């Protein structure tokens, strides 16, 4: 099992586990936890190959590797918060150990398999054709450019420092290896009956300026989780935990209050 570097925020009585998106690191959650520092002790691991964690070894399934690294941090009871790829890991952890998860907050989980067989999904795949072709050709530079253009939150590739561009290009093989879990649901997150059995409070957040496929993913997942609700931050894109941390803090704060008053 890969031991991950973990950043700790806050000193509150409630425990929260934060799982970042691809290309980021655990430190990006600082602004989310800040307003809740007296209520939450947050643990934010760096995924393999990200931040200060060791590189991904290229072996096995990426989703398995990240989940196995994060799983020990759940403890006996915690609130789970995840963004993008990290949100799919948070969902998996909640499905595996629902008795240990007090609440689940998912920010744009990129579980594309949930949107399959819809026009929105087909439009998205057409949009991502340059990304898919670059991935299949193992042209990591072209793949990075296409990936960042779709999911970088609106910032241009040219605005990214050269050192950061190189780091992003270096992570593209890991991103490519996540395709089976995200598009084919190789982890079985969508297996009939699993989502329906979640009983903890669940909140979805998405940016109104993000990829339209995210609205479809949210709608399809929420249709199977009766108690789930959605918060839309109209002016935000995909990177809303970084660009608009306040709504994420507010969503988690509502879960803290709800759980405390039960």
Protein backbone atom coordinates (compact mmCIF):
# COMPACT_ATOMS: atom_id res chain seq x y z
CA UNK A 1 0.00 0.00 0.00
CA UNK A 2 1.31 3.47 -0.93
CA UNK A 3 1.68 5.82 2.03
CA UNK A 4 0.53 9.29 1.06
CA UNK A 5 1.68 12.69 2.28
CA UNK A 6 -1.13 14.23 4.34
CA UNK A 7 -1.76 17.90 5.17
CA UNK A 8 -3.78 18.69 8.29
CA UNK A 9 -6.01 21.74 8.69
CA UNK A 10 -7.98 23.00 11.68
CA UNK A 11 -8.35 21.71 15.23
CA UNK A 12 -12.09 21.17 15.56
CA UNK A 13 -13.87 18.19 17.12
CA UNK A 14 -15.29 16.84 13.83
CA UNK A 15 -13.05 14.95 11.41
CA UNK A 16 -13.19 15.55 7.66
CA UNK A 17 -11.27 13.89 4.84
CA UNK A 18 -10.63 15.89 1.67
CA UNK A 19 -9.66 14.24 -1.64
CA UNK A 20 -8.37 16.60 -4.34
CA UNK A 21 -8.71 16.46 -8.12
CA UNK A 22 -6.14 15.25 -10.63
CA UNK A 23 -3.19 17.66 -11.06
CA UNK A 24 -3.74 19.30 -7.64
CA UNK A 25 -2.57 18.48 -4.09
CA UNK A 26 -3.98 18.35 -0.57
CA UNK A 27 -3.02 21.94 0.20
CA UNK A 28 -5.72 23.30 -2.12
CA UNK A 29 -8.32 22.69 0.61
CA UNK A 30 -6.86 25.33 2.94
CA UNK A 31 -9.39 28.02 2.01
CA UNK A 32 -12.28 25.56 2.34
CA UNK A 33 -11.31 24.50 5.85
CA UNK A 34 -10.30 27.99 7.03
CA UNK A 35 -13.77 29.21 8.08
CA UNK A 36 -14.39 25.87 9.83
CA UNK A 37 -11.05 25.53 11.59
CA UNK A 38 -12.66 25.59 15.05
CA UNK A 39 -15.21 22.93 14.05
CA UNK A 40 -13.20 20.54 11.88
CA UNK A 41 -9.88 18.77 11.85
CA UNK A 42 -9.30 18.16 8.17
CA UNK A 43 -6.95 15.64 6.60
CA UNK A 44 -6.01 16.19 2.96
CA UNK A 45 -3.77 13.55 1.34
CA UNK A 46 -1.75 14.11 -1.82
CA UNK A 47 -2.64 11.43 -4.36
CA UNK A 48 0.26 9.34 -5.72
CA UNK A 49 2.32 11.43 -8.12
CA UNK A 50 0.89 14.65 -6.71
CA UNK A 51 2.24 17.13 -4.18
CA UNK A 52 4.72 15.45 -1.85
CA UNK A 53 3.50 11.89 -2.26
CA UNK A 54 5.64 9.34 -4.11
CA UNK A 55 5.02 8.92 -7.85
CA UNK A 56 2.44 6.45 -9.06
CA UNK A 57 4.29 3.25 -9.94
CA UNK A 58 2.22 2.61 -13.05
CA UNK A 59 1.03 -0.72 -11.74
CA UNK A 60 -2.57 -1.86 -11.34
CA UNK A 61 -5.62 0.40 -11.35
CA UNK A 62 -5.22 4.10 -10.54
CA UNK A 63 -8.54 4.26 -8.71
CA UNK A 64 -7.54 1.28 -6.59
CA UNK A 65 -4.16 2.84 -5.77
CA UNK A 66 -5.65 6.17 -4.66
CA UNK A 67 -8.47 4.54 -2.70
CA UNK A 68 -6.10 2.19 -0.90
CA UNK A 69 -3.89 5.12 0.08
CA UNK A 70 -6.77 7.25 1.36
CA UNK A 71 -8.86 4.51 3.02
CA UNK A 72 -6.86 4.35 6.32
CA UNK A 73 -7.56 8.04 6.95
CA UNK A 74 -11.31 7.53 7.41
CA UNK A 75 -10.96 6.31 10.99
CA UNK A 76 -14.11 5.52 12.94
CA UNK A 77 -16.23 8.40 11.65
CA UNK A 78 -15.61 11.33 9.32
CA UNK A 79 -17.13 13.69 6.80
CA UNK A 80 -15.96 13.03 3.22
CA UNK A 81 -15.34 15.81 0.69
CA UNK A 82 -14.00 15.14 -2.81
CA UNK A 83 -13.48 17.04 -6.04
CA UNK A 84 -13.51 15.65 -9.60
CA UNK A 85 -11.52 12.37 -9.61
CA UNK A 86 -11.24 12.76 -5.84
CA UNK A 87 -15.02 12.92 -5.58
CA UNK A 88 -15.29 9.51 -7.25
CA UNK A 89 -12.84 8.17 -4.66
CA UNK A 90 -14.91 9.73 -1.88
CA UNK A 91 -18.03 8.08 -3.31
CA UNK A 92 -16.28 4.72 -3.41
CA UNK A 93 -15.18 5.06 0.21
CA UNK A 94 -18.73 5.96 1.26
CA UNK A 95 -20.08 2.91 -0.56
CA UNK A 96 -17.48 0.66 1.06
CA UNK A 97 -17.85 1.90 4.63
CA UNK A 98 -21.16 3.78 5.00
CA UNK A 99 -21.15 3.27 8.77
CA UNK A 100 -17.97 5.37 9.03
CA UNK A 101 -19.07 8.26 6.81
CA UNK A 102 -21.07 11.00 8.52
CA UNK A 103 -21.70 13.00 5.34
CA UNK A 104 -20.60 13.05 1.71
CA UNK A 105 -19.87 16.19 -0.31
CA UNK A 106 -19.03 15.64 -3.98
CA UNK A 107 -17.84 18.47 -6.19
CA UNK A 108 -18.24 17.55 -9.86
CA UNK A 109 -17.44 13.81 -9.65
CA UNK A 110 -16.18 12.90 -13.12
CA UNK A 111 -17.90 9.53 -13.19
CA UNK A 112 -18.67 9.74 -16.91
CA UNK A 113 -20.17 6.26 -16.89
CA UNK A 114 -23.16 7.76 -15.06
CA UNK A 115 -23.97 9.91 -18.10
CA UNK A 116 -23.60 7.26 -20.79
CA UNK A 117 -26.37 6.76 -23.34
CA UNK A 118 -27.38 10.42 -23.22
CA UNK A 119 -26.97 13.11 -25.89
CA UNK A 120 -24.97 15.23 -23.44
CA UNK A 121 -22.41 12.45 -23.05
CA UNK A 122 -22.01 12.07 -26.80
CA UNK A 123 -21.50 15.82 -27.21
CA UNK A 124 -18.85 15.71 -24.50
CA UNK A 125 -17.01 12.82 -26.15
CA UNK A 126 -16.99 14.69 -29.45
CA UNK A 127 -15.58 17.74 -27.68
CA UNK A 128 -12.84 15.60 -26.11
CA UNK A 129 -11.83 13.89 -29.37
CA UNK A 130 -8.40 15.66 -29.49
CA UNK A 131 -7.80 14.49 -25.91
CA UNK A 132 -8.81 10.92 -26.71
CA UNK A 133 -6.68 10.79 -29.86
CA UNK A 134 -3.67 12.15 -27.99
CA UNK A 135 -4.23 9.64 -25.20
CA UNK A 136 -4.41 6.72 -27.61
CA UNK A 137 -1.22 7.94 -29.32
CA UNK A 138 0.49 8.49 -25.94
CA UNK A 139 1.19 12.06 -27.02
CA UNK A 140 1.27 13.36 -23.47
CA UNK A 141 1.92 16.99 -24.37
CA UNK A 142 -1.09 17.18 -26.69
CA UNK A 143 -3.18 15.30 -24.15
CA UNK A 144 -2.21 17.76 -21.41
CA UNK A 145 -3.18 20.72 -23.59
CA UNK A 146 -6.60 19.22 -24.37
CA UNK A 147 -7.21 18.09 -20.80
CA UNK A 148 -6.35 21.46 -19.31
CA UNK A 149 -8.46 23.25 -21.87
CA UNK A 150 -11.53 21.25 -20.85
CA UNK A 151 -11.01 21.06 -17.09
CA UNK A 152 -8.61 23.85 -16.13
CA UNK A 153 -11.32 26.21 -14.96
CA UNK A 154 -11.00 28.67 -17.82
CA UNK A 155 -7.31 29.57 -17.43
CA UNK A 156 -5.25 29.37 -20.61
CA UNK A 157 -2.45 26.82 -20.99
CA UNK A 158 -0.09 29.69 -21.83
CA UNK A 159 -0.71 31.23 -18.39
CA UNK A 160 0.60 28.10 -16.66
CA UNK A 161 4.29 28.34 -15.65
CA UNK A 162 6.58 26.10 -17.70
CA UNK A 163 7.53 24.02 -14.65
CA UNK A 164 3.85 23.40 -13.90
CA UNK A 165 3.20 22.54 -17.56
CA UNK A 166 5.94 19.91 -17.39
CA UNK A 167 4.46 18.47 -14.20
CA UNK A 168 1.01 18.26 -15.80
CA UNK A 169 2.42 16.53 -18.89
CA UNK A 170 4.17 14.07 -16.59
CA UNK A 171 0.85 13.15 -14.94
CA UNK A 172 -0.96 12.40 -18.18
CA UNK A 173 -0.18 8.64 -18.14
CA UNK A 174 -1.88 8.47 -14.72
CA UNK A 175 -4.87 10.44 -16.00
CA UNK A 176 -5.09 8.15 -19.03
CA UNK A 177 -5.07 5.11 -16.77
CA UNK A 178 -8.16 6.40 -14.94
CA UNK A 179 -10.34 5.93 -18.03
CA UNK A 180 -11.57 2.46 -17.05
CA UNK A 181 -12.77 3.56 -13.63
CA UNK A 182 -14.39 6.81 -14.79
CA UNK A 183 -15.87 5.87 -18.17
CA UNK A 184 -16.37 2.12 -17.80
CA UNK A 185 -17.09 2.07 -14.04
CA UNK A 186 -14.59 -0.73 -13.52
CA UNK A 187 -14.95 -0.25 -9.75
CA UNK A 188 -18.69 -0.98 -9.85
CA UNK A 189 -19.83 2.25 -8.23
CA UNK A 190 -22.98 2.26 -10.35
CA UNK A 191 -23.95 -1.35 -9.64
CA UNK A 192 -27.69 -1.54 -9.04
CA UNK A 193 -28.58 -1.04 -5.38
CA UNK A 194 -25.29 0.47 -4.21
CA UNK A 195 -26.13 4.17 -4.55
CA UNK A 196 -29.68 3.58 -3.37
CA UNK A 197 -28.35 2.22 -0.06
CA UNK A 198 -26.44 5.36 0.89
CA UNK A 199 -28.13 6.90 3.91
CA UNK A 200 -25.77 9.69 5.01
CA UNK A 201 -26.44 13.33 3.99
CA UNK A 202 -25.14 13.90 0.44
CA UNK A 203 -24.47 17.21 -1.31
CA UNK A 204 -23.34 17.74 -4.90
CA UNK A 205 -21.71 21.00 -5.97
CA UNK A 206 -20.96 22.11 -9.52
CA UNK A 207 -19.99 25.25 -11.35
CA UNK A 208 -22.49 26.78 -13.73
CA UNK A 209 -19.67 27.44 -16.22
CA UNK A 210 -18.32 23.88 -16.15
CA UNK A 211 -18.72 21.17 -18.79
CA UNK A 212 -22.45 20.47 -19.42
CA UNK A 213 -21.83 16.75 -18.91
CA UNK A 214 -21.42 17.48 -15.20
CA UNK A 215 -25.08 18.49 -14.92
CA UNK A 216 -26.05 15.17 -16.50
CA UNK A 217 -23.78 13.18 -14.17
CA UNK A 218 -25.20 14.94 -11.13
CA UNK A 219 -28.78 14.42 -12.25
CA UNK A 220 -28.29 10.71 -12.89
CA UNK A 221 -26.50 10.09 -9.60
CA UNK A 222 -29.00 12.14 -7.61
CA UNK A 223 -31.89 10.19 -9.11
CA UNK A 224 -30.52 7.17 -7.28
CA UNK A 225 -29.63 8.86 -3.97
CA UNK A 226 -32.98 10.03 -2.55
CA UNK A 227 -31.59 12.37 0.12
CA UNK A 228 -29.02 14.06 -2.14
CA UNK A 229 -29.31 17.69 -3.13
CA UNK A 230 -27.30 19.99 -5.38
CA UNK A 231 -25.70 23.41 -5.04
CA UNK A 232 -24.87 25.24 -8.28
CA UNK A 233 -22.36 28.09 -8.17
CA UNK A 234 -23.37 29.85 -11.37
CA UNK A 235 -20.24 31.95 -11.83
CA UNK A 236 -17.80 29.09 -11.17
CA UNK A 237 -16.18 26.51 -13.42
CA UNK A 238 -14.87 23.05 -12.65
CA UNK A 239 -12.22 24.29 -10.21
CA UNK A 240 -14.68 25.82 -7.77
CA UNK A 241 -13.00 24.49 -4.56
CA UNK A 242 -10.06 26.73 -5.50
CA UNK A 243 -11.85 29.61 -7.25
CA UNK A 244 -14.96 29.66 -5.01
CA UNK A 245 -14.15 27.88 -1.73
CA UNK A 246 -16.90 29.59 0.30
CA UNK A 247 -19.82 27.53 -1.10
CA UNK A 248 -17.88 24.34 -0.37
CA UNK A 249 -17.28 25.48 3.21
CA UNK A 250 -20.97 26.30 3.56
CA UNK A 251 -22.03 22.87 2.24
CA UNK A 252 -19.76 21.09 4.71
CA UNK A 253 -20.89 23.39 7.54
CA UNK A 254 -24.50 22.42 6.83
CA UNK A 255 -23.56 18.76 7.15
CA UNK A 256 -21.76 19.43 10.44
CA UNK A 257 -24.85 21.14 11.82
CA UNK A 258 -27.19 18.44 10.55
CA UNK A 259 -25.16 15.61 12.02
CA UNK A 260 -24.68 17.43 15.33
CA UNK A 261 -28.40 18.04 15.75
CA UNK A 262 -29.53 14.52 14.89
